[in-house]
């Protein structure tokens, strides 16, 4: 595999997160369509298939709850056809989230994703999200 190809997969991940960080729904939706395989398989806190399901997670869950959502890449590692991304998510809880009404609290939590690429697009994604830290900061669980 050429170095140029490896770089393009990392660039694709950066492009996706840059779009998400704009908060521009149209740009995010268009970017998701361009960087994900239409039948992408997700193994993140839940199992799901398809780009539409991914969009629903981003828009219906995350942006609604945290309109100022920001993702900072801490590490981006590529090996073969996979890219590993470790990031920090920050945001202010201003909308309903997992049944919890808005608290106005700021959150900061980590995520790690492994993305498998096929034909230049993300075809499969595995993820670990620090939901415990997120819930603790929102007051949903005690330390």
Protein backbone atom coordinates (compact mmCIF):
# COMPACT_ATOMS: atom_id res chain seq x y z
CA UNK A 1 0.00 0.00 0.00
CA UNK A 2 1.43 3.38 -0.94
CA UNK A 3 2.13 6.11 1.61
CA UNK A 4 -0.13 8.42 -0.41
CA UNK A 5 -3.05 6.02 0.06
CA UNK A 6 -2.40 5.76 3.80
CA UNK A 7 -2.27 9.53 4.08
CA UNK A 8 -5.58 9.85 2.24
CA UNK A 9 -7.37 7.63 4.80
CA UNK A 10 -6.08 9.80 7.65
CA UNK A 11 -7.07 12.88 5.64
CA UNK A 12 -10.57 11.44 5.27
CA UNK A 13 -10.91 11.10 9.06
CA UNK A 14 -9.66 14.67 9.57
CA UNK A 15 -12.09 15.92 6.93
CA UNK A 16 -15.00 14.20 8.67
CA UNK A 17 -14.13 15.65 12.09
CA UNK A 18 -13.49 19.11 10.65
CA UNK A 19 -16.99 18.99 9.15
CA UNK A 20 -18.55 17.78 12.43
CA UNK A 21 -16.81 20.62 14.28
CA UNK A 22 -18.42 23.26 12.04
CA UNK A 23 -21.89 22.33 13.34
CA UNK A 24 -23.16 22.97 9.78
CA UNK A 25 -25.81 20.27 9.31
CA UNK A 26 -25.71 20.39 5.51
CA UNK A 27 -21.91 20.14 5.35
CA UNK A 28 -21.85 17.32 7.93
CA UNK A 29 -24.54 15.35 6.09
CA UNK A 30 -22.79 15.76 2.72
CA UNK A 31 -19.38 14.81 4.22
CA UNK A 32 -20.85 11.70 5.88
CA UNK A 33 -22.27 10.66 2.49
CA UNK A 34 -18.87 11.12 0.86
CA UNK A 35 -16.61 9.45 3.45
CA UNK A 36 -18.74 6.49 4.57
CA UNK A 37 -19.67 3.42 2.60
CA UNK A 38 -23.51 3.50 2.29
CA UNK A 39 -23.65 0.16 4.15
CA UNK A 40 -21.12 1.08 6.85
CA UNK A 41 -21.23 -1.27 9.83
CA UNK A 42 -20.90 0.30 13.30
CA UNK A 43 -19.80 -1.49 16.44
CA UNK A 44 -19.81 1.53 18.73
CA UNK A 45 -21.80 1.49 21.96
CA UNK A 46 -24.53 0.03 19.71
CA UNK A 47 -24.57 -2.16 16.59
CA UNK A 48 -25.93 -0.51 13.46
CA UNK A 49 -25.68 -0.64 9.67
CA UNK A 50 -25.97 2.13 7.11
CA UNK A 51 -25.01 5.74 6.70
CA UNK A 52 -28.50 6.96 7.66
CA UNK A 53 -28.17 5.42 11.13
CA UNK A 54 -24.84 7.20 11.56
CA UNK A 55 -26.44 10.53 10.60
CA UNK A 56 -29.26 9.97 13.10
CA UNK A 57 -26.70 9.40 15.86
CA UNK A 58 -24.81 12.59 14.99
CA UNK A 59 -27.84 14.84 14.49
CA UNK A 60 -30.63 13.40 16.63
CA UNK A 61 -28.46 12.48 19.61
CA UNK A 62 -25.23 14.46 19.71
CA UNK A 63 -26.01 17.86 18.13
CA UNK A 64 -29.41 18.04 19.82
CA UNK A 65 -27.81 17.41 23.22
CA UNK A 66 -24.53 19.28 22.65
CA UNK A 67 -25.01 21.99 19.97
CA UNK A 68 -21.45 23.27 20.61
CA UNK A 69 -19.95 19.78 20.21
CA UNK A 70 -16.23 19.83 19.43
CA UNK A 71 -13.95 16.87 18.73
CA UNK A 72 -10.18 17.19 19.15
CA UNK A 73 -7.97 14.49 17.65
CA UNK A 74 -5.36 13.30 20.15
CA UNK A 75 -3.92 10.44 18.04
CA UNK A 76 -4.39 9.28 14.46
CA UNK A 77 -2.61 6.03 13.61
CA UNK A 78 -2.77 4.12 10.35
CA UNK A 79 -1.91 0.49 9.73
CA UNK A 80 -2.86 -1.27 6.51
CA UNK A 81 -6.46 -0.42 5.65
CA UNK A 82 -7.36 0.77 9.15
CA UNK A 83 -7.11 4.10 10.93
CA UNK A 84 -7.25 4.41 14.72
CA UNK A 85 -8.44 7.72 16.10
CA UNK A 86 -8.30 8.75 19.75
CA UNK A 87 -10.14 11.96 20.50
CA UNK A 88 -11.57 14.21 23.18
CA UNK A 89 -15.16 15.40 22.86
CA UNK A 90 -16.29 18.58 24.58
CA UNK A 91 -19.69 20.19 24.66
CA UNK A 92 -22.36 21.87 26.76
CA UNK A 93 -25.45 19.83 27.61
CA UNK A 94 -28.20 22.07 26.17
CA UNK A 95 -30.69 19.48 24.88
CA UNK A 96 -32.19 16.14 25.92
CA UNK A 97 -29.61 13.35 26.03
CA UNK A 98 -30.42 9.69 26.68
CA UNK A 99 -33.55 10.76 28.54
CA UNK A 100 -31.78 13.43 30.62
CA UNK A 101 -33.18 16.96 30.28
CA UNK A 102 -30.62 19.74 29.62
CA UNK A 103 -28.35 20.46 32.61
CA UNK A 104 -26.22 23.26 31.13
CA UNK A 105 -23.14 21.32 32.29
CA UNK A 106 -19.97 21.11 30.24
CA UNK A 107 -18.62 17.67 29.45
CA UNK A 108 -15.27 16.41 28.24
CA UNK A 109 -14.76 12.73 27.50
CA UNK A 110 -12.60 10.44 25.38
CA UNK A 111 -13.34 8.09 22.50
CA UNK A 112 -11.26 5.60 20.53
CA UNK A 113 -12.37 4.42 17.10
CA UNK A 114 -10.92 1.88 14.70
CA UNK A 115 -12.08 2.49 11.14
CA UNK A 116 -11.68 -0.04 8.34
CA UNK A 117 -11.46 1.51 4.90
CA UNK A 118 -12.58 -0.04 1.61
CA UNK A 119 -12.30 1.82 -1.70
CA UNK A 120 -11.29 5.02 0.10
CA UNK A 121 -14.38 5.05 2.34
CA UNK A 122 -15.05 4.05 5.94
CA UNK A 123 -16.71 0.62 5.65
CA UNK A 124 -16.66 -0.49 9.29
CA UNK A 125 -16.11 1.25 12.60
CA UNK A 126 -15.48 -0.08 16.10
CA UNK A 127 -15.53 2.33 19.01
CA UNK A 128 -15.16 2.76 22.73
CA UNK A 129 -16.74 5.88 24.19
CA UNK A 130 -16.14 6.86 27.83
CA UNK A 131 -19.85 6.90 28.62
CA UNK A 132 -19.16 6.48 32.36
CA UNK A 133 -17.22 9.77 32.46
CA UNK A 134 -19.88 11.49 30.33
CA UNK A 135 -22.72 10.30 32.62
CA UNK A 136 -20.77 11.22 35.78
CA UNK A 137 -20.18 14.77 34.51
CA UNK A 138 -23.87 15.14 33.67
CA UNK A 139 -24.84 13.96 37.16
CA UNK A 140 -26.60 10.83 35.86
CA UNK A 141 -24.48 8.58 38.11
CA UNK A 142 -22.52 9.14 41.30
CA UNK A 143 -18.75 8.80 41.35
